[in-house]
C-alpha cells in the first residue's frame, strides 16, 4: 500500500499550508483530514453539524498523537509538526450557506493551497432542495461548483490545487443527459443511481473545465475506490424488510472489490501533496485508487458535453441569484 509518509511534510511555523475539505468528519474525508493535519496543514472542515465536526476534530488529534508515538524514527519521517483543525459551517443543500462559508474563509485566509470537494450524497430518494435542485445533483456537484468559484481567487493566489472526488458510478451515464433531466421515476432504487451518475459525471466535467479556464490551478478528479461500508448507504440498509438484503449485498461487494476508508483517502492525499504533479502536464486528469492515472467515461471526458454542463450550471445559478 502507498505510504503517506513518503509525501512532503510542512512545519506550520515556517510555511503555512491551508486546505478546505467538505465531508471531512467521517469516512475517506476523516482520514484525509488526519493525514493533512499530520503533514502540517491548517485544515478547515466544512459541515452542517458543529457537534459532529468538533468531535471528529478531537478524534483526529488523538489518533495523530497515537500514530506519532508509535512511529519509528527514520529518513522521511520528520518530527511531528501538526497543523491545526477548524470547523467551517456549510450546508451543501443550501447555496446561501455555501456562500456564507466561502465569504467567512476569504476573511480569514489570504490564500488557499487546496480545496477538496469530497462530500457526497449517494442513492437518495428523489427530493428537491430549497434551491430547487435535485438533492444529489446539488450536494455532489452544484454546491461544490459554487464553493470552488467563490474560493478561486484564494486558489489562484497560492497556485493551489482543486481536488474533486467522484465515483465509478459515473460510467452509468452512457450518453450525455442534460442536467435538467430529473429522472424522477419509479422504481427509485433504479433511477436514484442514474441521478447519482449524472452528478458525478458533472463533477468530472467541471474539473476538466476548471483546468482549461484556470490553468494556474492544478485541477484533478479522483475515484478514490469502492468503500461499501460507508454510512452513505444507510438509507438502503435501513429499509424495512429489504434492508437486510442490501446490507448483505454491500458486504459482499466490499469483500470482493472494496477498500478501507484510509486506503480510499490515499489517492486524494497523493494528488494533494505529490510534488511530481504539475499544471503543465497533469491539469484536468482523472485518477483512480492509489492515484493511478486513468480515463473517465466517454461522456465525462467529452469537452463539448463538459462545456454544455458548465453553461447550464452558470445559468441555473444565475437564475437563483448567484453570479459566477
C-alpha atoms as a PDB file:
ATOM      1  CA  UNK A   1       0.000   0.000   0.000  1.00  0.00           C
ATOM      2  CA  UNK A   2       1.185   3.515  -0.780  1.00  0.00           C
ATOM      3  CA  UNK A   3       2.886   5.128   2.258  1.00  0.00           C
ATOM      4  CA  UNK A   4       1.626   8.621   3.110  1.00  0.00           C
ATOM      5  CA  UNK A   5       4.905   9.259   4.953  1.00  0.00           C
ATOM      6  CA  UNK A   6       6.613   9.471   1.567  1.00  0.00           C
ATOM      7  CA  UNK A   7       4.766  12.737   0.872  1.00  0.00           C
ATOM      8  CA  UNK A   8       6.151  16.150   1.897  1.00  0.00           C
ATOM      9  CA  UNK A   9       5.762  17.408   5.461  1.00  0.00           C
ATOM     10  CA  UNK A  10       5.468  21.078   6.398  1.00  0.00           C
ATOM     11  CA  UNK A  11       6.287  22.982   9.551  1.00  0.00           C
ATOM     12  CA  UNK A  12       3.355  25.400  10.030  1.00  0.00           C
ATOM     13  CA  UNK A  13       5.620  27.784  11.927  1.00  0.00           C
ATOM     14  CA  UNK A  14       7.705  28.207   8.765  1.00  0.00           C
ATOM     15  CA  UNK A  15       5.284  27.586   5.898  1.00  0.00           C
ATOM     16  CA  UNK A  16       1.524  27.940   6.286  1.00  0.00           C
ATOM     17  CA  UNK A  17      -0.385  25.453   4.130  1.00  0.00           C
ATOM     18  CA  UNK A  18      -4.194  25.782   4.079  1.00  0.00           C
ATOM     19  CA  UNK A  19      -6.764  23.204   2.993  1.00  0.00           C
ATOM     20  CA  UNK A  20     -10.571  23.190   2.866  1.00  0.00           C
ATOM     21  CA  UNK A  21     -12.500  19.919   2.705  1.00  0.00           C
ATOM     22  CA  UNK A  22     -16.189  19.122   2.503  1.00  0.00           C
ATOM     23  CA  UNK A  23     -17.362  15.944   4.205  1.00  0.00           C
ATOM     24  CA  UNK A  24     -14.254  15.719   6.370  1.00  0.00           C
ATOM     25  CA  UNK A  25     -15.872  14.446   9.567  1.00  0.00           C
ATOM     26  CA  UNK A  26     -16.239  10.805   8.511  1.00  0.00           C
ATOM     27  CA  UNK A  27     -15.134   8.133   6.070  1.00  0.00           C
ATOM     28  CA  UNK A  28     -12.497   8.924   3.455  1.00  0.00           C
ATOM     29  CA  UNK A  29     -12.680  12.598   4.366  1.00  0.00           C
ATOM     30  CA  UNK A  30     -11.769  11.872   8.007  1.00  0.00           C
ATOM     31  CA  UNK A  31      -8.568  10.097   7.008  1.00  0.00           C
ATOM     32  CA  UNK A  32      -7.738  12.833   4.519  1.00  0.00           C
ATOM     33  CA  UNK A  33      -8.021  15.353   7.347  1.00  0.00           C
ATOM     34  CA  UNK A  34      -5.902  13.150   9.637  1.00  0.00           C
ATOM     35  CA  UNK A  35      -3.012  12.935   7.191  1.00  0.00           C
ATOM     36  CA  UNK A  36      -3.130  16.595   6.202  1.00  0.00           C
ATOM     37  CA  UNK A  37      -3.098  17.556   9.885  1.00  0.00           C
ATOM     38  CA  UNK A  38      -0.083  15.286  10.462  1.00  0.00           C
ATOM     39  CA  UNK A  39       1.637  16.826   7.423  1.00  0.00           C
ATOM     40  CA  UNK A  40       1.338  20.297   8.921  1.00  0.00           C
ATOM     41  CA  UNK A  41      -1.751  21.679   7.166  1.00  0.00           C
ATOM     42  CA  UNK A  42      -4.272  24.154   8.512  1.00  0.00           C
ATOM     43  CA  UNK A  43      -7.490  22.310   7.649  1.00  0.00           C
ATOM     44  CA  UNK A  44     -10.983  23.790   7.514  1.00  0.00           C
ATOM     45  CA  UNK A  45     -13.621  21.067   7.742  1.00  0.00           C
ATOM     46  CA  UNK A  46     -16.920  22.057   6.148  1.00  0.00           C
ATOM     47  CA  UNK A  47     -20.027  20.571   7.716  1.00  0.00           C
ATOM     48  CA  UNK A  48     -23.514  21.433   8.864  1.00  0.00           C
ATOM     49  CA  UNK A  49     -23.330  19.810  12.313  1.00  0.00           C
ATOM     50  CA  UNK A  50     -20.876  21.560  14.644  1.00  0.00           C
ATOM     51  CA  UNK A  51     -21.017  18.832  17.298  1.00  0.00           C
ATOM     52  CA  UNK A  52     -20.188  16.133  14.786  1.00  0.00           C
ATOM     53  CA  UNK A  53     -17.301  18.050  13.219  1.00  0.00           C
ATOM     54  CA  UNK A  54     -15.840  19.137  16.571  1.00  0.00           C
ATOM     55  CA  UNK A  55     -15.978  15.543  17.809  1.00  0.00           C
ATOM     56  CA  UNK A  56     -14.208  14.443  14.620  1.00  0.00           C
ATOM     57  CA  UNK A  57     -11.532  17.081  15.256  1.00  0.00           C
ATOM     58  CA  UNK A  58     -10.873  15.655  18.728  1.00  0.00           C
ATOM     59  CA  UNK A  59     -10.704  12.127  17.313  1.00  0.00           C
ATOM     60  CA  UNK A  60      -8.234  13.200  14.610  1.00  0.00           C
ATOM     61  CA  UNK A  61      -5.997  14.922  17.159  1.00  0.00           C
ATOM     62  CA  UNK A  62      -5.979  11.846  19.408  1.00  0.00           C
ATOM     63  CA  UNK A  63      -5.266   9.474  16.519  1.00  0.00           C
ATOM     64  CA  UNK A  64      -2.455  11.694  15.213  1.00  0.00           C
ATOM     65  CA  UNK A  65      -0.779  11.707  18.610  1.00  0.00           C
ATOM     66  CA  UNK A  66      -1.042   7.922  18.898  1.00  0.00           C
ATOM     67  CA  UNK A  67       0.448   7.416  15.440  1.00  0.00           C
ATOM     68  CA  UNK A  68       3.370   9.729  16.087  1.00  0.00           C
ATOM     69  CA  UNK A  69       4.170   7.962  19.358  1.00  0.00           C
ATOM     70  CA  UNK A  70       4.093   4.580  17.600  1.00  0.00           C
ATOM     71  CA  UNK A  71       6.019   5.698  14.537  1.00  0.00           C
ATOM     72  CA  UNK A  72       9.600   4.563  14.229  1.00  0.00           C
ATOM     73  CA  UNK A  73      12.112   7.343  13.524  1.00  0.00           C
ATOM     74  CA  UNK A  74      13.962   7.292  10.238  1.00  0.00           C
ATOM     75  CA  UNK A  75      14.593   9.107   6.947  1.00  0.00           C
ATOM     76  CA  UNK A  76      11.482  10.794   5.585  1.00  0.00           C
ATOM     77  CA  UNK A  77       9.797  10.655   8.986  1.00  0.00           C
ATOM     78  CA  UNK A  78      10.442  14.084  10.497  1.00  0.00           C
ATOM     79  CA  UNK A  79       9.492  15.259  13.957  1.00  0.00           C
ATOM     80  CA  UNK A  80       5.770  15.931  14.287  1.00  0.00           C
ATOM     81  CA  UNK A  81       4.685  19.446  13.370  1.00  0.00           C
ATOM     82  CA  UNK A  82       0.933  19.147  13.478  1.00  0.00           C
ATOM     83  CA  UNK A  83      -1.167  21.718  11.677  1.00  0.00           C
ATOM     84  CA  UNK A  84      -4.489  22.934  13.036  1.00  0.00           C
ATOM     85  CA  UNK A  85      -8.133  21.989  12.549  1.00  0.00           C
ATOM     86  CA  UNK A  86     -11.123  24.324  12.258  1.00  0.00           C
ATOM     87  CA  UNK A  87     -14.859  23.919  11.788  1.00  0.00           C
ATOM     88  CA  UNK A  88     -16.462  25.857   8.923  1.00  0.00           C
ATOM     89  CA  UNK A  89     -20.245  25.758   8.883  1.00  0.00           C
ATOM     90  CA  UNK A  90     -21.504  24.840   5.421  1.00  0.00           C
ATOM     91  CA  UNK A  91     -24.657  23.029   4.355  1.00  0.00           C
ATOM     92  CA  UNK A  92     -24.303  21.894   0.737  1.00  0.00           C
ATOM     93  CA  UNK A  93     -28.076  21.597   0.406  1.00  0.00           C
ATOM     94  CA  UNK A  94     -28.352  25.378   0.992  1.00  0.00           C
ATOM     95  CA  UNK A  95     -26.422  27.506  -1.511  1.00  0.00           C
ATOM     96  CA  UNK A  96     -26.696  30.670   0.595  1.00  0.00           C
ATOM     97  CA  UNK A  97     -24.989  28.780   3.397  1.00  0.00           C
ATOM     98  CA  UNK A  98     -22.223  27.795   0.973  1.00  0.00           C
ATOM     99  CA  UNK A  99     -21.836  31.478   0.034  1.00  0.00           C
ATOM    100  CA  UNK A 100     -21.526  32.477   3.691  1.00  0.00           C
ATOM    101  CA  UNK A 101     -18.904  29.795   4.337  1.00  0.00           C
ATOM    102  CA  UNK A 102     -16.806  30.975   1.392  1.00  0.00           C
ATOM    103  CA  UNK A 103     -17.098  34.613   2.483  1.00  0.00           C
ATOM    104  CA  UNK A 104     -16.018  33.699   6.018  1.00  0.00           C
ATOM    105  CA  UNK A 105     -12.969  31.845   4.738  1.00  0.00           C
ATOM    106  CA  UNK A 106     -11.974  34.722   2.456  1.00  0.00           C
ATOM    107  CA  UNK A 107     -11.889  36.982   5.522  1.00  0.00           C
ATOM    108  CA  UNK A 108      -9.732  34.542   7.476  1.00  0.00           C
ATOM    109  CA  UNK A 109      -7.225  33.437   4.847  1.00  0.00           C
ATOM    110  CA  UNK A 110      -5.189  35.215   2.199  1.00  0.00           C
ATOM    111  CA  UNK A 111      -4.591  32.093   0.116  1.00  0.00           C
ATOM    112  CA  UNK A 112      -5.789  28.510  -0.225  1.00  0.00           C
ATOM    113  CA  UNK A 113      -3.411  25.697  -1.136  1.00  0.00           C
ATOM    114  CA  UNK A 114      -6.029  23.017  -1.713  1.00  0.00           C
ATOM    115  CA  UNK A 115      -9.801  22.676  -1.922  1.00  0.00           C
ATOM    116  CA  UNK A 116     -11.077  19.102  -1.627  1.00  0.00           C
ATOM    117  CA  UNK A 117     -14.633  18.600  -2.884  1.00  0.00           C
ATOM    118  CA  UNK A 118     -15.171  15.342  -1.045  1.00  0.00           C
ATOM    119  CA  UNK A 119     -18.720  15.286   0.374  1.00  0.00           C
ATOM    120  CA  UNK A 120     -21.333  13.220  -1.421  1.00  0.00           C
ATOM    121  CA  UNK A 121     -24.957  12.157  -1.217  1.00  0.00           C
ATOM    122  CA  UNK A 122     -25.452   8.664  -2.624  1.00  0.00           C
ATOM    123  CA  UNK A 123     -28.547   6.745  -3.676  1.00  0.00           C
ATOM    124  CA  UNK A 124     -31.133   9.018  -2.063  1.00  0.00           C
ATOM    125  CA  UNK A 125     -34.856   9.173  -2.882  1.00  0.00           C
ATOM    126  CA  UNK A 126     -35.894  11.956  -5.213  1.00  0.00           C
ATOM    127  CA  UNK A 127     -36.008  15.255  -3.322  1.00  0.00           C
ATOM    128  CA  UNK A 128     -35.622  18.927  -4.203  1.00  0.00           C
ATOM    129  CA  UNK A 129     -33.502  21.278  -2.116  1.00  0.00           C
ATOM    130  CA  UNK A 130     -34.648  24.752  -1.090  1.00  0.00           C
ATOM    131  CA  UNK A 131     -32.719  25.947  -4.163  1.00  0.00           C
ATOM    132  CA  UNK A 132     -34.926  23.700  -6.320  1.00  0.00           C
ATOM    133  CA  UNK A 133     -32.191  21.305  -7.424  1.00  0.00           C
ATOM    134  CA  UNK A 134     -32.332  17.532  -7.049  1.00  0.00           C
ATOM    135  CA  UNK A 135     -30.562  16.717  -3.753  1.00  0.00           C
ATOM    136  CA  UNK A 136     -27.760  14.552  -5.179  1.00  0.00           C
ATOM    137  CA  UNK A 137     -27.044  16.946  -8.041  1.00  0.00           C
ATOM    138  CA  UNK A 138     -26.752  19.910  -5.666  1.00  0.00           C
ATOM    139  CA  UNK A 139     -24.765  18.164  -2.935  1.00  0.00           C
ATOM    140  CA  UNK A 140     -22.320  16.373  -5.197  1.00  0.00           C
ATOM    141  CA  UNK A 141     -21.887  18.954  -7.931  1.00  0.00           C
ATOM    142  CA  UNK A 142     -23.636  22.328  -7.878  1.00  0.00           C
ATOM    143  CA  UNK A 143     -22.717  23.306  -4.315  1.00  0.00           C
ATOM    144  CA  UNK A 144     -19.095  22.334  -4.993  1.00  0.00           C
ATOM    145  CA  UNK A 145     -19.170  24.329  -8.234  1.00  0.00           C
ATOM    146  CA  UNK A 146     -20.287  27.422  -6.313  1.00  0.00           C
ATOM    147  CA  UNK A 147     -17.826  26.874  -3.451  1.00  0.00           C
ATOM    148  CA  UNK A 148     -14.952  26.396  -5.892  1.00  0.00           C
ATOM    149  CA  UNK A 149     -15.772  29.548  -7.834  1.00  0.00           C
ATOM    150  CA  UNK A 150     -16.072  31.618  -4.653  1.00  0.00           C
ATOM    151  CA  UNK A 151     -12.708  30.355  -3.369  1.00  0.00           C
ATOM    152  CA  UNK A 152     -10.997  30.507  -6.778  1.00  0.00           C
ATOM    153  CA  UNK A 153      -9.162  33.815  -6.056  1.00  0.00           C
ATOM    154  CA  UNK A 154      -7.532  32.235  -2.994  1.00  0.00           C
ATOM    155  CA  UNK A 155      -6.546  29.155  -5.007  1.00  0.00           C
ATOM    156  CA  UNK A 156      -5.110  31.333  -7.768  1.00  0.00           C
ATOM    157  CA  UNK A 157      -3.063  33.325  -5.288  1.00  0.00           C
ATOM    158  CA  UNK A 158      -1.497  30.143  -3.900  1.00  0.00           C
ATOM    159  CA  UNK A 159      -1.315  28.468  -7.308  1.00  0.00           C
ATOM    160  CA  UNK A 160      -3.077  25.739  -5.422  1.00  0.00           C
ATOM    161  CA  UNK A 161      -4.938  22.513  -6.184  1.00  0.00           C
ATOM    162  CA  UNK A 162      -8.595  21.698  -6.702  1.00  0.00           C
ATOM    163  CA  UNK A 163      -9.420  18.069  -5.947  1.00  0.00           C
ATOM    164  CA  UNK A 164     -12.815  16.564  -6.770  1.00  0.00           C
ATOM    165  CA  UNK A 165     -13.713  13.094  -5.518  1.00  0.00           C
ATOM    166  CA  UNK A 166     -16.099  11.183  -7.729  1.00  0.00           C
ATOM    167  CA  UNK A 167     -17.288   7.617  -8.309  1.00  0.00           C
ATOM    168  CA  UNK A 168     -17.109   4.697 -10.709  1.00  0.00           C
ATOM    169  CA  UNK A 169     -20.896   5.082 -10.964  1.00  0.00           C
ATOM    170  CA  UNK A 170     -20.391   7.965 -13.392  1.00  0.00           C
ATOM    171  CA  UNK A 171     -19.977   5.215 -16.004  1.00  0.00           C
ATOM    172  CA  UNK A 172     -23.745   4.636 -15.780  1.00  0.00           C
ATOM    173  CA  UNK A 173     -24.288   7.815 -17.793  1.00  0.00           C
ATOM    174  CA  UNK A 174     -23.858   6.041 -21.104  1.00  0.00           C
ATOM    175  CA  UNK A 175     -24.817   9.126 -23.124  1.00  0.00           C
ATOM    176  CA  UNK A 176     -24.994  12.785 -22.248  1.00  0.00           C
ATOM    177  CA  UNK A 177     -28.039  13.762 -20.197  1.00  0.00           C
ATOM    178  CA  UNK A 178     -28.937  17.447 -19.765  1.00  0.00           C
ATOM    179  CA  UNK A 179     -28.796  18.377 -16.096  1.00  0.00           C
ATOM    180  CA  UNK A 180     -32.443  19.419 -16.307  1.00  0.00           C
ATOM    181  CA  UNK A 181     -33.253  15.683 -16.626  1.00  0.00           C
ATOM    182  CA  UNK A 182     -34.653  14.828 -13.198  1.00  0.00           C
ATOM    183  CA  UNK A 183     -35.046  11.041 -13.508  1.00  0.00           C
ATOM    184  CA  UNK A 184     -37.954  11.224 -11.074  1.00  0.00           C
ATOM    185  CA  UNK A 185     -39.397   7.827 -11.960  1.00  0.00           C
ATOM    186  CA  UNK A 186     -40.131   4.557 -10.225  1.00  0.00           C
ATOM    187  CA  UNK A 187     -38.652   2.286  -9.095  1.00  0.00           C
ATOM    188  CA  UNK A 188     -36.499   4.694  -7.133  1.00  0.00           C
ATOM    189  CA  UNK A 189     -33.878   2.029  -6.423  1.00  0.00           C
ATOM    190  CA  UNK A 190     -33.030   2.117 -10.148  1.00  0.00           C
ATOM    191  CA  UNK A 191     -33.358   5.772 -11.063  1.00  0.00           C
ATOM    192  CA  UNK A 192     -31.574   7.082  -7.973  1.00  0.00           C
ATOM    193  CA  UNK A 193     -28.353   5.640  -9.436  1.00  0.00           C
ATOM    194  CA  UNK A 194     -28.915   7.446 -12.729  1.00  0.00           C
ATOM    195  CA  UNK A 195     -29.324  10.705 -10.801  1.00  0.00           C
ATOM    196  CA  UNK A 196     -26.137   9.898  -8.894  1.00  0.00           C
ATOM    197  CA  UNK A 197     -24.279   9.066 -12.114  1.00  0.00           C
ATOM    198  CA  UNK A 198     -25.320  12.392 -13.614  1.00  0.00           C
ATOM    199  CA  UNK A 199     -23.997  14.311 -10.599  1.00  0.00           C
ATOM    200  CA  UNK A 200     -20.638  12.505 -10.593  1.00  0.00           C
ATOM    201  CA  UNK A 201     -20.201  12.887 -14.345  1.00  0.00           C
ATOM    202  CA  UNK A 202     -20.881  16.611 -13.985  1.00  0.00           C
ATOM    203  CA  UNK A 203     -18.217  16.802 -11.262  1.00  0.00           C
ATOM    204  CA  UNK A 204     -15.571  15.326 -13.580  1.00  0.00           C
ATOM    205  CA  UNK A 205     -16.649  17.646 -16.413  1.00  0.00           C
ATOM    206  CA  UNK A 206     -16.462  20.637 -14.073  1.00  0.00           C
ATOM    207  CA  UNK A 207     -12.919  19.728 -13.039  1.00  0.00           C
ATOM    208  CA  UNK A 208     -11.812  19.443 -16.665  1.00  0.00           C
ATOM    209  CA  UNK A 209     -13.351  22.825 -17.499  1.00  0.00           C
ATOM    210  CA  UNK A 210     -11.676  24.444 -14.490  1.00  0.00           C
ATOM    211  CA  UNK A 211      -8.318  23.130 -15.700  1.00  0.00           C
ATOM    212  CA  UNK A 212      -8.908  24.761 -19.092  1.00  0.00           C
ATOM    213  CA  UNK A 213     -10.271  28.059 -17.814  1.00  0.00           C
ATOM    214  CA  UNK A 214      -7.840  28.491 -14.905  1.00  0.00           C
ATOM    215  CA  UNK A 215      -4.616  26.655 -15.861  1.00  0.00           C
ATOM    216  CA  UNK A 216      -2.675  28.157 -12.949  1.00  0.00           C
ATOM    217  CA  UNK A 217      -4.686  25.947 -10.568  1.00  0.00           C
ATOM    218  CA  UNK A 218      -3.993  22.197 -10.666  1.00  0.00           C
ATOM    219  CA  UNK A 219      -7.441  20.587 -11.061  1.00  0.00           C
ATOM    220  CA  UNK A 220      -7.753  16.820 -10.602  1.00  0.00           C
ATOM    221  CA  UNK A 221     -10.683  14.423 -10.262  1.00  0.00           C
ATOM    222  CA  UNK A 222     -10.328  11.168  -8.349  1.00  0.00           C
ATOM    223  CA  UNK A 223     -12.190   7.915  -7.984  1.00  0.00           C
ATOM    224  CA  UNK A 224     -10.859   7.001  -4.529  1.00  0.00           C
ATOM    225  CA  UNK A 225     -12.203   3.452  -4.500  1.00  0.00           C
ATOM    226  CA  UNK A 226     -15.280   1.469  -3.585  1.00  0.00           C
ATOM    227  CA  UNK A 227     -15.931   1.966   0.125  1.00  0.00           C
ATOM    228  CA  UNK A 228     -19.087  -0.089   0.567  1.00  0.00           C
ATOM    229  CA  UNK A 229     -19.191   0.145   4.354  1.00  0.00           C
ATOM    230  CA  UNK A 230     -19.693   3.893   4.303  1.00  0.00           C
ATOM    231  CA  UNK A 231     -22.691   5.448   6.076  1.00  0.00           C
ATOM    232  CA  UNK A 232     -23.699   6.890   2.704  1.00  0.00           C
ATOM    233  CA  UNK A 233     -25.600   3.659   2.037  1.00  0.00           C
ATOM    234  CA  UNK A 234     -27.529   3.799   5.313  1.00  0.00           C
ATOM    235  CA  UNK A 235     -30.770   4.729   3.519  1.00  0.00           C
ATOM    236  CA  UNK A 236     -30.786   1.371   1.737  1.00  0.00           C
ATOM    237  CA  UNK A 237     -29.706  -0.779   4.688  1.00  0.00           C
ATOM    238  CA  UNK A 238     -32.419   0.735   6.924  1.00  0.00           C
ATOM    239  CA  UNK A 239     -35.298  -0.008   4.577  1.00  0.00           C
ATOM    240  CA  UNK A 240     -37.958  -2.306   6.072  1.00  0.00           C
ATOM    241  CA  UNK A 241     -37.548  -5.982   5.141  1.00  0.00           C
ATOM    242  CA  UNK A 242     -35.307  -5.441   2.069  1.00  0.00           C
ATOM    243  CA  UNK A 243     -32.722  -3.512   4.104  1.00  0.00           C
ATOM    244  CA  UNK A 244     -31.052  -6.728   5.256  1.00  0.00           C
ATOM    245  CA  UNK A 245     -30.611  -7.851   1.649  1.00  0.00           C
ATOM    246  CA  UNK A 246     -28.966  -4.541   0.704  1.00  0.00           C
ATOM    247  CA  UNK A 247     -26.708  -4.842   3.764  1.00  0.00           C
ATOM    248  CA  UNK A 248     -25.640  -8.318   2.669  1.00  0.00           C
ATOM    249  CA  UNK A 249     -25.075  -7.150  -0.919  1.00  0.00           C
ATOM    250  CA  UNK A 250     -22.888  -4.247   0.178  1.00  0.00           C
ATOM    251  CA  UNK A 251     -20.875  -6.528   2.480  1.00  0.00           C
ATOM    252  CA  UNK A 252     -20.200  -8.980  -0.356  1.00  0.00           C
ATOM    253  CA  UNK A 253     -19.198  -6.229  -2.795  1.00  0.00           C
ATOM    254  CA  UNK A 254     -16.953  -4.682  -0.121  1.00  0.00           C
ATOM    255  CA  UNK A 255     -15.252  -8.019   0.463  1.00  0.00           C
ATOM    256  CA  UNK A 256     -14.608  -8.607  -3.234  1.00  0.00           C
ATOM    257  CA  UNK A 257     -13.884  -5.111  -4.539  1.00  0.00           C
ATOM    258  CA  UNK A 258     -13.846  -2.674  -1.647  1.00  0.00           C
ATOM    259  CA  UNK A 259     -11.148  -0.617   0.021  1.00  0.00           C
ATOM    260  CA  UNK A 260     -10.949   0.729   3.544  1.00  0.00           C
ATOM    261  CA  UNK A 261     -11.595   4.370   4.396  1.00  0.00           C
ATOM    262  CA  UNK A 262      -7.879   5.008   4.778  1.00  0.00           C
ATOM    263  CA  UNK A 263      -6.952   3.217   1.562  1.00  0.00           C
ATOM    264  CA  UNK A 264      -9.590   5.327  -0.182  1.00  0.00           C
ATOM    265  CA  UNK A 265      -8.022   8.527   1.163  1.00  0.00           C
ATOM    266  CA  UNK A 266      -4.546   7.782  -0.187  1.00  0.00           C
ATOM    267  CA  UNK A 267      -5.342   8.719  -3.801  1.00  0.00           C
ATOM    268  CA  UNK A 268      -6.635  12.086  -2.602  1.00  0.00           C
ATOM    269  CA  UNK A 269      -3.582  12.627  -0.399  1.00  0.00           C
ATOM    270  CA  UNK A 270      -1.150  11.806  -3.171  1.00  0.00           C
ATOM    271  CA  UNK A 271      -2.896  14.217  -5.534  1.00  0.00           C
ATOM    272  CA  UNK A 272      -2.821  16.921  -2.860  1.00  0.00           C
ATOM    273  CA  UNK A 273       0.768  16.507  -1.693  1.00  0.00           C
ATOM    274  CA  UNK A 274       2.781  14.947  -4.505  1.00  0.00           C
ATOM    275  CA  UNK A 275       5.399  17.380  -5.859  1.00  0.00           C
ATOM    276  CA  UNK A 276       5.535  15.361  -9.084  1.00  0.00           C
ATOM    277  CA  UNK A 277       2.100  16.525 -10.274  1.00  0.00           C
ATOM    278  CA  UNK A 278       2.194  19.818 -12.152  1.00  0.00           C
ATOM    279  CA  UNK A 279      -0.206  22.100 -14.001  1.00  0.00           C
ATOM    280  CA  UNK A 280       1.845  21.764 -17.196  1.00  0.00           C
ATOM    281  CA  UNK A 281       1.462  18.006 -17.596  1.00  0.00           C
ATOM    282  CA  UNK A 282      -1.337  16.889 -15.267  1.00  0.00           C
ATOM    283  CA  UNK A 283      -4.077  19.508 -15.243  1.00  0.00           C
ATOM    284  CA  UNK A 284      -7.565  18.082 -15.713  1.00  0.00           C
ATOM    285  CA  UNK A 285      -6.506  14.459 -15.291  1.00  0.00           C
ATOM    286  CA  UNK A 286      -8.530  11.677 -13.708  1.00  0.00           C
ATOM    287  CA  UNK A 287      -7.071   9.266 -11.172  1.00  0.00           C
ATOM    288  CA  UNK A 288      -8.330   6.056  -9.580  1.00  0.00           C
ATOM    289  CA  UNK A 289      -7.498   4.160  -6.374  1.00  0.00           C
ATOM    290  CA  UNK A 290      -3.857   4.668  -5.424  1.00  0.00           C
ATOM    291  CA  UNK A 291      -3.621   7.834  -7.565  1.00  0.00           C
ATOM    292  CA  UNK A 292      -3.137   5.800 -10.739  1.00  0.00           C
ATOM    293  CA  UNK A 293      -3.836   7.868 -13.837  1.00  0.00           C
ATOM    294  CA  UNK A 294      -6.848   6.626 -15.777  1.00  0.00           C
ATOM    295  CA  UNK A 295      -9.607   7.806 -18.116  1.00  0.00           C
ATOM    296  CA  UNK A 296     -13.199   8.526 -17.143  1.00  0.00           C
ATOM    297  CA  UNK A 297     -16.158   7.585 -19.318  1.00  0.00           C
ATOM    298  CA  UNK A 298     -16.542   8.967 -22.822  1.00  0.00           C
ATOM    299  CA  UNK A 299     -19.290  11.350 -21.664  1.00  0.00           C
ATOM    300  CA  UNK A 300     -17.251  12.646 -18.708  1.00  0.00           C
ATOM    301  CA  UNK A 301     -14.221  13.120 -20.956  1.00  0.00           C
ATOM    302  CA  UNK A 302     -16.061  14.874 -23.808  1.00  0.00           C
ATOM    303  CA  UNK A 303     -15.267  18.587 -23.831  1.00  0.00           C
ATOM    304  CA  UNK A 304     -18.399  19.574 -25.753  1.00  0.00           C
ATOM    305  CA  UNK A 305     -20.537  17.872 -23.132  1.00  0.00           C
ATOM    306  CA  UNK A 306     -18.439  19.435 -20.373  1.00  0.00           C
ATOM    307  CA  UNK A 307     -18.995  22.893 -21.873  1.00  0.00           C
ATOM    308  CA  UNK A 308     -22.755  22.247 -22.022  1.00  0.00           C
ATOM    309  CA  UNK A 309     -22.744  21.237 -18.352  1.00  0.00           C
ATOM    310  CA  UNK A 310     -20.785  24.373 -17.417  1.00  0.00           C
ATOM    311  CA  UNK A 311     -23.115  26.705 -19.325  1.00  0.00           C
ATOM    312  CA  UNK A 312     -26.241  25.088 -17.852  1.00  0.00           C
ATOM    313  CA  UNK A 313     -24.843  25.419 -14.332  1.00  0.00           C
ATOM    314  CA  UNK A 314     -23.887  29.076 -14.738  1.00  0.00           C
ATOM    315  CA  UNK A 315     -27.392  29.914 -15.989  1.00  0.00           C
ATOM    316  CA  UNK A 316     -29.092  27.807 -13.309  1.00  0.00           C
ATOM    317  CA  UNK A 317     -27.134  29.561 -10.563  1.00  0.00           C
ATOM    318  CA  UNK A 318     -27.760  32.971 -12.115  1.00  0.00           C
ATOM    319  CA  UNK A 319     -31.490  32.272 -12.158  1.00  0.00           C
ATOM    320  CA  UNK A 320     -31.247  31.780  -8.387  1.00  0.00           C
ATOM    321  CA  UNK A 321     -29.286  34.962  -7.774  1.00  0.00           C
ATOM    322  CA  UNK A 322     -25.736  33.546  -7.775  1.00  0.00           C
ATOM    323  CA  UNK A 323     -23.435  35.211 -10.295  1.00  0.00           C
ATOM    324  CA  UNK A 324     -20.387  33.113 -11.193  1.00  0.00           C
END
